Amino acid sequence: MSFIRTILGDIPAEDIGITFSHEHVMIDESYVTHHNPEFLLNDVDKISQELVGLKQLGCSLMVDAMPANAGRNAVKMARISRQTGVHLIGCTGMHQEMYYPAGHWRYRYSEDQLTNLFIADIQSGIDKFDYNGPVIERSFYKAGLLKLATGDEPFTRHQQKIFRAVVNAHRQTGAPILTHTNNGNQALEQALLFDKLGADLRHVVLSHTDRNKDLGYHLELMQMGVSVEYDSAFRWKKGEENWTYWLLEKLLFAFPDQITVGMDAARTSYWSLYGGTPGLSYLLTTFVDELKARGLYPFFNKLFIDNPRRIFSFLAAADSR
């Protein structure tokens, strides 16, 4: 039986319902927020209020995509999940280099050291101090997901090391993989490298790919067998083509099992309880209304339930701890 590893423990995959597949539920004070103050999302009460509203709309699970040493706080995430009843998946792995200072330990650690760090987050518990060191004190709260991120340029040697460490941990634990792409660029290259390294592409999802407008590129990517996550529907400017909906119209009928959706709302300006817009409820209100208007509502369960349930599950045989 497959399961999903939430911040509060493992649950059978079939128990999850509506899922937001790429979010930043909380980002605590860190190098990330010092350089990008709008990313500071650490008010547990405000976050919880917003999530209670989502729970009332039917949200069951949210995937938090903030990986190691980038503002994670597993203890606060657990509080939010308990207060709201929304399941949360915590994350390990590495974000883009811009979110870490020069000389960060990520550059000094070997492939094996990074692999072991990721595995420890998944199997033993996320460090309460998020590896800000020198003390490591593992919490009861385990990561249920591996993340990596690339930019627009060809992969560097360092990024290739992160790929190998992530796939090593994925193969040893059964944990699923989620990635960041810049405007959908390098998504196909990510998929090809994952395939080469032996990742199970059924449990790999590439995020933000709807920001790439090249339909041919999307078709080639889909044929690789990976899944994609769309989160830009609310970002397109009024009066211009909404490429997220356009891509859904072009791709859902042929590839209904490979698309998921989220908000990627990593700024306070997107959260209602922080005074921003459109609020995370957008995905279950305006977005769903647009699916209905375009004749795409029959794919609701695929986008929100069935595909996330498969992608974010572990194989019980790989890690039953």
C-alpha atoms as a PDB file:
ATOM      1  CA  MET A   1       0.000   0.000   0.000  1.00  0.00           C
ATOM      2  CA  SER A   2       1.325   3.435  -0.902  1.00  0.00           C
ATOM      3  CA  PHE A   3       1.342   6.268   1.607  1.00  0.00           C
ATOM      4  CA  ILE A   4       1.939   9.990   1.813  1.00  0.00           C
ATOM      5  CA  ARG A   5       4.323  11.350   4.432  1.00  0.00           C
ATOM      6  CA  THR A   6       2.792  14.458   5.960  1.00  0.00           C
ATOM      7  CA  ILE A   7       4.404  16.675   8.569  1.00  0.00           C
ATOM      8  CA  LEU A   8       2.257  14.953  11.229  1.00  0.00           C
ATOM      9  CA  GLY A   9       2.904  11.425  10.002  1.00  0.00           C
ATOM     10  CA  ASP A  10       2.148   8.925   7.269  1.00  0.00           C
ATOM     11  CA  ILE A  11      -1.356   8.544   5.875  1.00  0.00           C
ATOM     12  CA  PRO A  12      -2.695   6.131   3.234  1.00  0.00           C
ATOM     13  CA  ALA A  13      -2.566   7.796  -0.170  1.00  0.00           C
ATOM     14  CA  GLU A  14      -6.234   7.067  -0.759  1.00  0.00           C
ATOM     15  CA  ASP A  15      -7.146   9.196   2.278  1.00  0.00           C
ATOM     16  CA  ILE A  16      -6.159  12.502   0.664  1.00  0.00           C
ATOM     17  CA  GLY A  17      -8.574  14.660  -1.258  1.00  0.00           C
ATOM     18  CA  ILE A  18      -8.170  18.060  -2.919  1.00  0.00           C
ATOM     19  CA  THR A  19      -4.485  18.968  -3.075  1.00  0.00           C
ATOM     20  CA  PHE A  20      -2.594  22.207  -3.706  1.00  0.00           C
ATOM     21  CA  SER A  21       0.501  20.777  -5.386  1.00  0.00           C
ATOM     22  CA  HIS A  22       3.057  23.576  -4.958  1.00  0.00           C
ATOM     23  CA  GLU A  23       2.784  26.038  -2.086  1.00  0.00           C
ATOM     24  CA  HIS A  24       4.883  27.931   0.417  1.00  0.00           C
ATOM     25  CA  VAL A  25       2.747  27.555   3.502  1.00  0.00           C
ATOM     26  CA  MET A  26       5.352  29.192   5.703  1.00  0.00           C
ATOM     27  CA  ILE A  27       8.768  30.798   5.247  1.00  0.00           C
ATOM     28  CA  ASP A  28      10.523  31.753   8.457  1.00  0.00           C
ATOM     29  CA  GLU A  29      13.220  34.379   8.971  1.00  0.00           C
ATOM     30  CA  SER A  30      16.277  33.356   6.982  1.00  0.00           C
ATOM     31  CA  TYR A  31      18.720  34.472   4.309  1.00  0.00           C
ATOM     32  CA  VAL A  32      15.797  34.184   1.902  1.00  0.00           C
ATOM     33  CA  THR A  33      13.570  36.650   3.763  1.00  0.00           C
ATOM     34  CA  HIS A  34      16.369  39.056   4.661  1.00  0.00           C
ATOM     35  CA  HIS A  35      16.903  39.633   0.944  1.00  0.00           C
ATOM     36  CA  ASN A  36      13.219  39.292  -0.001  1.00  0.00           C
ATOM     37  CA  PRO A  37      11.106  40.651   2.916  1.00  0.00           C
ATOM     38  CA  GLU A  38       7.873  39.944   1.032  1.00  0.00           C
ATOM     39  CA  PHE A  39       8.679  36.226   1.322  1.00  0.00           C
ATOM     40  CA  LEU A  40       8.375  36.322   5.139  1.00  0.00           C
ATOM     41  CA  LEU A  41       5.363  34.094   5.828  1.00  0.00           C
ATOM     42  CA  ASN A  42       5.697  33.064   9.454  1.00  0.00           C
ATOM     43  CA  ASP A  43       2.612  34.352  11.276  1.00  0.00           C
ATOM     44  CA  VAL A  44       1.076  31.065  12.368  1.00  0.00           C
ATOM     45  CA  ASP A  45      -2.296  32.613  13.208  1.00  0.00           C
ATOM     46  CA  LYS A  46      -2.702  34.418   9.870  1.00  0.00           C
ATOM     47  CA  ILE A  47      -1.555  31.389   7.911  1.00  0.00           C
ATOM     48  CA  SER A  48      -3.900  29.137   9.875  1.00  0.00           C
ATOM     49  CA  GLN A  49      -6.879  31.430   9.259  1.00  0.00           C
ATOM     50  CA  GLU A  50      -6.250  31.366   5.513  1.00  0.00           C
ATOM     51  CA  LEU A  51      -5.943  27.578   5.546  1.00  0.00           C
ATOM     52  CA  VAL A  52      -9.139  27.175   7.569  1.00  0.00           C
ATOM     53  CA  GLY A  53     -10.906  28.961   4.730  1.00  0.00           C
ATOM     54  CA  LEU A  54      -9.384  26.536   2.251  1.00  0.00           C
ATOM     55  CA  LYS A  55     -10.406  23.590   4.406  1.00  0.00           C
ATOM     56  CA  GLN A  56     -13.990  24.844   4.268  1.00  0.00           C
ATOM     57  CA  LEU A  57     -13.723  24.886   0.464  1.00  0.00           C
ATOM     58  CA  GLY A  58     -12.589  21.258   0.519  1.00  0.00           C
ATOM     59  CA  CYS A  59      -8.779  21.460   0.595  1.00  0.00           C
ATOM     60  CA  SER A  60      -7.276  18.314   2.116  1.00  0.00           C
ATOM     61  CA  LEU A  61      -3.516  18.563   1.470  1.00  0.00           C
ATOM     62  CA  MET A  62      -0.954  21.255   0.666  1.00  0.00           C
ATOM     63  CA  VAL A  63       2.584  20.614  -0.554  1.00  0.00           C
ATOM     64  CA  ASP A  64       5.077  23.002   1.027  1.00  0.00           C
ATOM     65  CA  ALA A  65       8.007  23.486  -1.351  1.00  0.00           C
ATOM     66  CA  MET A  66      10.580  25.247   0.869  1.00  0.00           C
ATOM     67  CA  PRO A  67      13.573  22.895   1.160  1.00  0.00           C
ATOM     68  CA  ALA A  68      16.582  22.672   3.481  1.00  0.00           C
ATOM     69  CA  ASN A  69      18.040  25.805   5.090  1.00  0.00           C
ATOM     70  CA  ALA A  70      15.742  28.182   3.203  1.00  0.00           C
ATOM     71  CA  GLY A  71      13.279  29.252   5.884  1.00  0.00           C
ATOM     72  CA  ARG A  72      11.785  25.897   6.852  1.00  0.00           C
ATOM     73  CA  ASN A  73      10.301  25.546  10.301  1.00  0.00           C
ATOM     74  CA  ALA A  74       8.896  22.067  10.799  1.00  0.00           C
ATOM     75  CA  VAL A  75       7.614  22.831  14.294  1.00  0.00           C
ATOM     76  CA  LYS A  76       5.520  25.782  13.071  1.00  0.00           C
ATOM     77  CA  MET A  77       4.266  23.752  10.118  1.00  0.00           C
ATOM     78  CA  ALA A  78       3.088  21.040  12.503  1.00  0.00           C
ATOM     79  CA  ARG A  79       1.221  23.659  14.577  1.00  0.00           C
ATOM     80  CA  ILE A  80      -0.474  24.992  11.450  1.00  0.00           C
ATOM     81  CA  SER A  81      -1.541  21.516  10.360  1.00  0.00           C
ATOM     82  CA  ARG A  82      -2.954  20.715  13.799  1.00  0.00           C
ATOM     83  CA  GLN A  83      -4.812  24.035  14.021  1.00  0.00           C
ATOM     84  CA  THR A  84      -6.377  23.785  10.567  1.00  0.00           C
ATOM     85  CA  GLY A  85      -6.875  20.102   9.859  1.00  0.00           C
ATOM     86  CA  VAL A  86      -5.105  20.558   6.521  1.00  0.00           C
ATOM     87  CA  HIS A  87      -2.440  17.938   5.832  1.00  0.00           C
ATOM     88  CA  LEU A  88       0.957  19.436   4.941  1.00  0.00           C
ATOM     89  CA  ILE A  89       3.892  17.799   3.179  1.00  0.00           C
ATOM     90  CA  GLY A  90       7.285  19.082   4.340  1.00  0.00           C
ATOM     91  CA  CYS A  91      10.225  19.279   1.987  1.00  0.00           C
ATOM     92  CA  THR A  92      13.952  18.591   1.843  1.00  0.00           C
ATOM     93  CA  GLY A  93      16.492  19.126  -0.930  1.00  0.00           C
ATOM     94  CA  MET A  94      17.897  22.418  -2.237  1.00  0.00           C
ATOM     95  CA  HIS A  95      16.416  25.578  -3.725  1.00  0.00           C
ATOM     96  CA  GLN A  96      18.057  27.858  -6.309  1.00  0.00           C
ATOM     97  CA  GLU A  97      21.527  29.106  -5.473  1.00  0.00           C
ATOM     98  CA  MET A  98      20.260  32.702  -5.123  1.00  0.00           C
ATOM     99  CA  TYR A  99      18.535  31.725  -1.881  1.00  0.00           C
ATOM    100  CA  TYR A 100      21.800  30.784  -0.138  1.00  0.00           C
ATOM    101  CA  PRO A 101      24.825  32.924   0.733  1.00  0.00           C
ATOM    102  CA  ALA A 102      28.133  32.537  -1.094  1.00  0.00           C
ATOM    103  CA  GLY A 103      30.213  29.863   0.592  1.00  0.00           C
ATOM    104  CA  HIS A 104      27.142  28.009   1.864  1.00  0.00           C
ATOM    105  CA  TRP A 105      27.705  24.402   2.984  1.00  0.00           C
ATOM    106  CA  ARG A 106      25.772  23.124  -0.025  1.00  0.00           C
ATOM    107  CA  TYR A 107      28.841  23.848  -2.154  1.00  0.00           C
ATOM    108  CA  ARG A 108      31.248  22.040   0.187  1.00  0.00           C
ATOM    109  CA  TYR A 109      29.232  18.914   0.892  1.00  0.00           C
ATOM    110  CA  SER A 110      29.885  15.876  -1.249  1.00  0.00           C
ATOM    111  CA  GLU A 111      27.186  13.992  -3.124  1.00  0.00           C
ATOM    112  CA  ASP A 112      27.122  11.362  -0.385  1.00  0.00           C
ATOM    113  CA  GLN A 113      26.876  13.962   2.390  1.00  0.00           C
ATOM    114  CA  LEU A 114      23.960  15.687   0.676  1.00  0.00           C
ATOM    115  CA  THR A 115      22.283  12.339   0.037  1.00  0.00           C
ATOM    116  CA  ASN A 116      22.581  11.396   3.709  1.00  0.00           C
ATOM    117  CA  LEU A 117      21.272  14.797   4.839  1.00  0.00           C
ATOM    118  CA  PHE A 118      18.197  14.455   2.629  1.00  0.00           C
ATOM    119  CA  ILE A 119      17.587  10.892   3.801  1.00  0.00           C
ATOM    120  CA  ALA A 120      17.865  11.966   7.442  1.00  0.00           C
ATOM    121  CA  ASP A 121      15.184  14.645   6.880  1.00  0.00           C
ATOM    122  CA  ILE A 122      12.900  11.998   5.381  1.00  0.00           C
ATOM    123  CA  GLN A 123      13.533   9.113   7.760  1.00  0.00           C
ATOM    124  CA  SER A 124      14.683  10.644  11.055  1.00  0.00           C
ATOM    125  CA  GLY A 125      13.176  14.131  11.196  1.00  0.00           C
ATOM    126  CA  ILE A 126      13.811  17.693  10.040  1.00  0.00           C
ATOM    127  CA  ASP A 127      16.355  19.648  12.082  1.00  0.00           C
ATOM    128  CA  LYS A 128      14.577  22.105  14.407  1.00  0.00           C
ATOM    129  CA  PHE A 129      17.183  24.725  13.444  1.00  0.00           C
ATOM    130  CA  ASP A 130      16.982  23.962   9.711  1.00  0.00           C
ATOM    131  CA  TYR A 131      20.744  23.374   9.525  1.00  0.00           C
ATOM    132  CA  ASN A 132      21.672  26.868  10.641  1.00  0.00           C
ATOM    133  CA  GLY A 133      24.113  25.013  12.942  1.00  0.00           C
ATOM    134  CA  PRO A 134      26.336  24.072  14.508  1.00  0.00           C
ATOM    135  CA  VAL A 135      23.827  22.080  16.595  1.00  0.00           C
ATOM    136  CA  ILE A 136      21.468  19.633  14.900  1.00  0.00           C
ATOM    137  CA  GLU A 137      18.370  18.612  16.848  1.00  0.00           C
ATOM    138  CA  ARG A 138      16.003  16.465  14.865  1.00  0.00           C
ATOM    139  CA  SER A 139      12.283  17.040  15.327  1.00  0.00           C
ATOM    140  CA  PHE A 140       9.537  14.445  15.184  1.00  0.00           C
ATOM    141  CA  TYR A 141       8.474  15.917  11.852  1.00  0.00           C
ATOM    142  CA  LYS A 142       9.722  14.272   8.671  1.00  0.00           C
ATOM    143  CA  ALA A 143      10.023  15.532   5.113  1.00  0.00           C
ATOM    144  CA  GLY A 144       7.761  13.854   2.586  1.00  0.00           C
ATOM    145  CA  LEU A 145       9.264  15.311  -0.563  1.00  0.00           C
ATOM    146  CA  LEU A 146      12.582  16.051  -2.303  1.00  0.00           C
ATOM    147  CA  LYS A 147      13.127  19.308  -4.181  1.00  0.00           C
ATOM    148  CA  LEU A 148      15.692  20.787  -6.516  1.00  0.00           C
ATOM    149  CA  ALA A 149      15.738  23.927  -8.631  1.00  0.00           C
ATOM    150  CA  THR A 150      17.442  25.113 -11.793  1.00  0.00           C
ATOM    151  CA  GLY A 151      17.578  28.417 -13.664  1.00  0.00           C
ATOM    152  CA  ASP A 152      17.633  29.302 -17.341  1.00  0.00           C
ATOM    153  CA  GLU A 153      21.220  28.289 -18.002  1.00  0.00           C
ATOM    154  CA  PRO A 154      22.598  24.791 -18.729  1.00  0.00           C
ATOM    155  CA  PHE A 155      23.073  22.773 -15.560  1.00  0.00           C
ATOM    156  CA  THR A 156      26.271  23.482 -13.672  1.00  0.00           C
ATOM    157  CA  ARG A 157      28.445  20.778 -12.111  1.00  0.00           C
ATOM    158  CA  HIS A 158      27.082  21.803  -8.728  1.00  0.00           C
ATOM    159  CA  GLN A 159      23.474  21.443  -9.906  1.00  0.00           C
ATOM    160  CA  GLN A 160      24.282  18.039 -11.358  1.00  0.00           C
ATOM    161  CA  LYS A 161      25.581  17.019  -7.919  1.00  0.00           C
ATOM    162  CA  ILE A 162      22.271  18.117  -6.392  1.00  0.00           C
ATOM    163  CA  PHE A 163      20.402  16.072  -9.013  1.00  0.00           C
ATOM    164  CA  ARG A 164      22.428  12.976  -8.130  1.00  0.00           C
ATOM    165  CA  ALA A 165      21.942  13.436  -4.384  1.00  0.00           C
ATOM    166  CA  VAL A 166      18.197  13.983  -4.790  1.00  0.00           C
ATOM    167  CA  VAL A 167      17.805  10.906  -6.987  1.00  0.00           C
ATOM    168  CA  ASN A 168      19.952   8.851  -4.609  1.00  0.00           C
ATOM    169  CA  ALA A 169      17.668   9.789  -1.716  1.00  0.00           C
ATOM    170  CA  HIS A 170      14.571   9.217  -3.861  1.00  0.00           C
ATOM    171  CA  ARG A 171      15.696   5.723  -4.812  1.00  0.00           C
ATOM    172  CA  GLN A 172      16.645   4.799  -1.248  1.00  0.00           C
ATOM    173  CA  THR A 173      13.514   6.128   0.465  1.00  0.00           C
ATOM    174  CA  GLY A 174      10.800   6.146  -2.183  1.00  0.00           C
ATOM    175  CA  ALA A 175      10.178   9.859  -1.569  1.00  0.00           C
ATOM    176  CA  PRO A 176       8.677  11.783  -4.507  1.00  0.00           C
ATOM    177  CA  ILE A 177      10.498  14.631  -6.285  1.00  0.00           C
ATOM    178  CA  LEU A 178       9.300  18.154  -7.085  1.00  0.00           C
ATOM    179  CA  THR A 179      11.339  20.715  -9.007  1.00  0.00           C
ATOM    180  CA  HIS A 180      11.446  24.443  -9.663  1.00  0.00           C
ATOM    181  CA  THR A 181      11.864  25.641 -13.242  1.00  0.00           C
ATOM    182  CA  ASN A 182      12.336  29.265 -14.270  1.00  0.00           C
ATOM    183  CA  ASN A 183       9.406  30.114 -16.516  1.00  0.00           C
ATOM    184  CA  GLY A 184       9.241  26.464 -17.508  1.00  0.00           C
ATOM    185  CA  ASN A 185      12.740  26.566 -18.977  1.00  0.00           C
ATOM    186  CA  GLN A 186      15.028  23.514 -18.693  1.00  0.00           C
ATOM    187  CA  ALA A 187      12.029  21.331 -17.803  1.00  0.00           C
ATOM    188  CA  LEU A 188      12.732  18.855 -20.593  1.00  0.00           C
ATOM    189  CA  GLU A 189      16.403  18.827 -19.618  1.00  0.00           C
ATOM    190  CA  GLN A 190      15.401  18.074 -16.023  1.00  0.00           C
ATOM    191  CA  ALA A 191      13.226  15.179 -17.155  1.00  0.00           C
ATOM    192  CA  LEU A 192      15.988  13.734 -19.332  1.00  0.00           C
ATOM    193  CA  LEU A 193      18.503  13.858 -16.485  1.00  0.00           C
ATOM    194  CA  PHE A 194      16.069  12.294 -14.023  1.00  0.00           C
ATOM    195  CA  ASP A 195      15.462   9.484 -16.499  1.00  0.00           C
ATOM    196  CA  LYS A 196      19.197   8.983 -16.999  1.00  0.00           C
ATOM    197  CA  LEU A 197      19.787   8.832 -13.242  1.00  0.00           C
ATOM    198  CA  GLY A 198      17.084   6.227 -12.736  1.00  0.00           C
ATOM    199  CA  ALA A 199      14.330   8.221 -11.020  1.00  0.00           C
ATOM    200  CA  ASP A 200      10.805   6.824 -11.104  1.00  0.00           C
ATOM    201  CA  LEU A 201       9.208   9.415 -13.381  1.00  0.00           C
ATOM    202  CA  ARG A 202       5.736   8.538 -12.080  1.00  0.00           C
ATOM    203  CA  HIS A 203       6.766  10.291  -8.857  1.00  0.00           C
ATOM    204  CA  VAL A 204       8.439  13.357 -10.402  1.00  0.00           C
ATOM    205  CA  VAL A 205       6.617  16.668 -10.938  1.00  0.00           C
ATOM    206  CA  LEU A 206       8.130  19.761 -12.566  1.00  0.00           C
ATOM    207  CA  SER A 207       6.713  23.078 -11.364  1.00  0.00           C
ATOM    208  CA  HIS A 208       5.839  26.375 -13.066  1.00  0.00           C
ATOM    209  CA  THR A 209       5.964  24.846 -16.544  1.00  0.00           C
ATOM    210  CA  ASP A 210       2.841  26.735 -17.645  1.00  0.00           C
ATOM    211  CA  ARG A 211       5.006  29.870 -17.862  1.00  0.00           C
ATOM    212  CA  ASN A 212       6.517  28.411 -21.042  1.00  0.00           C
ATOM    213  CA  LYS A 213       4.210  29.150 -24.006  1.00  0.00           C
ATOM    214  CA  ASP A 214       5.749  26.665 -26.477  1.00  0.00           C
ATOM    215  CA  LEU A 215       3.157  23.928 -27.026  1.00  0.00           C
ATOM    216  CA  GLY A 216       5.635  21.727 -28.875  1.00  0.00           C
ATOM    217  CA  TYR A 217       7.968  21.845 -25.893  1.00  0.00           C
ATOM    218  CA  HIS A 218       5.109  20.790 -23.603  1.00  0.00           C
ATOM    219  CA  LEU A 219       4.177  17.898 -25.874  1.00  0.00           C
ATOM    220  CA  GLU A 220       7.751  16.648 -25.871  1.00  0.00           C
ATOM    221  CA  LEU A 221       7.907  17.000 -22.094  1.00  0.00           C
ATOM    222  CA  MET A 222       4.659  15.103 -21.565  1.00  0.00           C
ATOM    223  CA  GLN A 223       5.877  12.271 -23.747  1.00  0.00           C
ATOM    224  CA  MET A 224       8.761  11.770 -21.307  1.00  0.00           C
ATOM    225  CA  GLY A 225       6.234  10.563 -18.722  1.00  0.00           C
ATOM    226  CA  VAL A 226       6.879  13.125 -15.979  1.00  0.00           C
ATOM    227  CA  SER A 227       4.114  15.226 -14.471  1.00  0.00           C
ATOM    228  CA  VAL A 228       3.883  19.015 -14.428  1.00  0.00           C
ATOM    229  CA  GLU A 229       2.464  21.570 -12.008  1.00  0.00           C
ATOM    230  CA  TYR A 230       0.680  24.708 -13.250  1.00  0.00           C
ATOM    231  CA  ASP A 231       0.383  27.705 -10.935  1.00  0.00           C
ATOM    232  CA  SER A 232       0.322  30.853 -13.073  1.00  0.00           C
ATOM    233  CA  ALA A 233      -3.375  31.268 -13.904  1.00  0.00           C
ATOM    234  CA  PHE A 234      -3.671  34.308 -11.618  1.00  0.00           C
ATOM    235  CA  ARG A 235      -0.376  35.828 -12.776  1.00  0.00           C
ATOM    236  CA  TRP A 236      -1.218  36.591 -16.408  1.00  0.00           C
ATOM    237  CA  LYS A 237      -2.109  40.248 -16.920  1.00  0.00           C
ATOM    238  CA  LYS A 238      -5.676  41.271 -17.579  1.00  0.00           C
ATOM    239  CA  GLY A 239      -6.343  41.604 -21.289  1.00  0.00           C
ATOM    240  CA  GLU A 240      -3.639  39.168 -22.390  1.00  0.00           C
ATOM    241  CA  GLU A 241      -3.938  35.483 -23.195  1.00  0.00           C
ATOM    242  CA  ASN A 242      -4.115  33.329 -20.073  1.00  0.00           C
ATOM    243  CA  TRP A 243      -1.581  30.729 -21.127  1.00  0.00           C
ATOM    244  CA  THR A 244      -2.338  28.466 -18.194  1.00  0.00           C
ATOM    245  CA  TYR A 245      -5.917  27.910 -19.334  1.00  0.00           C
ATOM    246  CA  TRP A 246      -4.783  27.749 -22.972  1.00  0.00           C
ATOM    247  CA  LEU A 247      -2.327  24.955 -22.157  1.00  0.00           C
ATOM    248  CA  LEU A 248      -4.928  23.083 -20.122  1.00  0.00           C
ATOM    249  CA  GLU A 249      -7.287  23.185 -23.117  1.00  0.00           C
ATOM    250  CA  LYS A 250      -4.547  21.867 -25.416  1.00  0.00           C
ATOM    251  CA  LEU A 251      -3.104  19.186 -23.121  1.00  0.00           C
ATOM    252  CA  LEU A 252      -5.685  17.833 -20.671  1.00  0.00           C
ATOM    253  CA  PHE A 253      -7.538  15.650 -23.154  1.00  0.00           C
ATOM    254  CA  ALA A 254      -4.344  13.922 -24.303  1.00  0.00           C
ATOM    255  CA  PHE A 255      -2.429  13.867 -20.990  1.00  0.00           C
ATOM    256  CA  PRO A 256      -5.025  13.914 -18.197  1.00  0.00           C
ATOM    257  CA  ASP A 257      -2.833  11.919 -15.796  1.00  0.00           C
ATOM    258  CA  GLN A 258       0.211  14.215 -15.841  1.00  0.00           C
ATOM    259  CA  ILE A 259      -0.992  17.669 -14.763  1.00  0.00           C
ATOM    260  CA  THR A 260      -1.425  19.110 -11.273  1.00  0.00           C
ATOM    261  CA  VAL A 261      -2.162  22.636 -10.053  1.00  0.00           C
ATOM    262  CA  GLY A 262      -1.183  24.989  -7.252  1.00  0.00           C
ATOM    263  CA  MET A 263      -0.640  28.646  -6.404  1.00  0.00           C
ATOM    264  CA  ASP A 264       3.083  28.956  -5.523  1.00  0.00           C
ATOM    265  CA  ALA A 265       1.977  31.903  -3.381  1.00  0.00           C
ATOM    266  CA  ALA A 266       5.341  32.659  -1.797  1.00  0.00           C
ATOM    267  CA  ARG A 267       4.654  36.370  -1.193  1.00  0.00           C
ATOM    268  CA  THR A 268       2.539  38.051   1.463  1.00  0.00           C
ATOM    269  CA  SER A 269       0.991  40.109  -1.345  1.00  0.00           C
ATOM    270  CA  TYR A 270      -0.824  36.978  -2.539  1.00  0.00           C
ATOM    271  CA  TRP A 271      -2.366  36.042   0.848  1.00  0.00           C
ATOM    272  CA  SER A 272      -5.744  37.477   1.883  1.00  0.00           C
ATOM    273  CA  LEU A 273      -4.920  37.418   5.607  1.00  0.00           C
ATOM    274  CA  TYR A 274      -1.804  39.491   4.890  1.00  0.00           C
ATOM    275  CA  GLY A 275      -3.944  41.989   2.957  1.00  0.00           C
ATOM    276  CA  GLY A 276      -2.965  40.667  -0.465  1.00  0.00           C
ATOM    277  CA  THR A 277      -4.756  39.308  -3.519  1.00  0.00           C
ATOM    278  CA  PRO A 278      -6.075  37.063  -4.940  1.00  0.00           C
ATOM    279  CA  GLY A 279      -5.862  34.900  -1.800  1.00  0.00           C
ATOM    280  CA  LEU A 280      -5.232  31.187  -1.829  1.00  0.00           C
ATOM    281  CA  SER A 281      -8.967  30.542  -2.199  1.00  0.00           C
ATOM    282  CA  TYR A 282      -8.553  31.607  -5.854  1.00  0.00           C
ATOM    283  CA  LEU A 283      -7.656  28.055  -6.835  1.00  0.00           C
ATOM    284  CA  LEU A 284     -10.951  26.607  -5.580  1.00  0.00           C
ATOM    285  CA  THR A 285     -13.136  29.514  -6.704  1.00  0.00           C
ATOM    286  CA  THR A 286     -12.067  31.592  -9.723  1.00  0.00           C
ATOM    287  CA  PHE A 287      -9.869  28.850 -11.188  1.00  0.00           C
ATOM    288  CA  VAL A 288     -12.569  26.197 -10.846  1.00  0.00           C
ATOM    289  CA  ASP A 289     -15.154  28.572 -12.339  1.00  0.00           C
ATOM    290  CA  GLU A 290     -12.874  28.992 -15.364  1.00  0.00           C
ATOM    291  CA  LEU A 291     -12.508  25.219 -15.714  1.00  0.00           C
ATOM    292  CA  LYS A 292     -16.301  24.992 -15.866  1.00  0.00           C
ATOM    293  CA  ALA A 293     -16.573  27.829 -18.400  1.00  0.00           C
ATOM    294  CA  ARG A 294     -14.041  26.125 -20.686  1.00  0.00           C
ATOM    295  CA  GLY A 295     -15.549  22.646 -20.435  1.00  0.00           C
ATOM    296  CA  LEU A 296     -12.604  21.338 -18.403  1.00  0.00           C
ATOM    297  CA  TYR A 297     -14.383  20.647 -15.116  1.00  0.00           C
ATOM    298  CA  PRO A 298     -14.567  16.873 -15.821  1.00  0.00           C
ATOM    299  CA  PHE A 299     -10.786  16.902 -15.190  1.00  0.00           C
ATOM    300  CA  PHE A 300     -11.149  18.406 -11.697  1.00  0.00           C
ATOM    301  CA  ASN A 301     -10.460  15.140  -9.879  1.00  0.00           C
ATOM    302  CA  LYS A 302      -7.426  14.420 -12.042  1.00  0.00           C
ATOM    303  CA  LEU A 303      -5.888  17.850 -11.404  1.00  0.00           C
ATOM    304  CA  PHE A 304      -6.667  18.107  -7.705  1.00  0.00           C
ATOM    305  CA  ILE A 305      -6.900  14.543  -6.360  1.00  0.00           C
ATOM    306  CA  ASP A 306      -5.906  11.579  -8.513  1.00  0.00           C
ATOM    307  CA  ASN A 307      -2.652  12.901  -9.983  1.00  0.00           C
ATOM    308  CA  PRO A 308      -1.301  14.408  -6.723  1.00  0.00           C
ATOM    309  CA  ARG A 309      -2.271  11.223  -4.875  1.00  0.00           C
ATOM    310  CA  ARG A 310      -0.048   9.182  -7.207  1.00  0.00           C
ATOM    311  CA  ILE A 311       2.830  11.648  -7.535  1.00  0.00           C
ATOM    312  CA  PHE A 312       3.277  12.448  -3.850  1.00  0.00           C
ATOM    313  CA  SER A 313       2.973   8.905  -2.553  1.00  0.00           C
ATOM    314  CA  PHE A 314       5.839   6.717  -1.359  1.00  0.00           C
ATOM    315  CA  LEU A 315       6.076   3.068  -2.189  1.00  0.00           C
ATOM    316  CA  ALA A 316       5.603   1.295   1.137  1.00  0.00           C
ATOM    317  CA  ALA A 317       8.238  -1.266   0.237  1.00  0.00           C
ATOM    318  CA  ALA A 318      10.850   1.473  -0.150  1.00  0.00           C
ATOM    319  CA  ASP A 319      10.379   3.004   3.297  1.00  0.00           C
ATOM    320  CA  SER A 320       7.909   1.773   5.870  1.00  0.00           C
ATOM    321  CA  ARG A 321       9.375   3.649   8.810  1.00  0.00           C
END
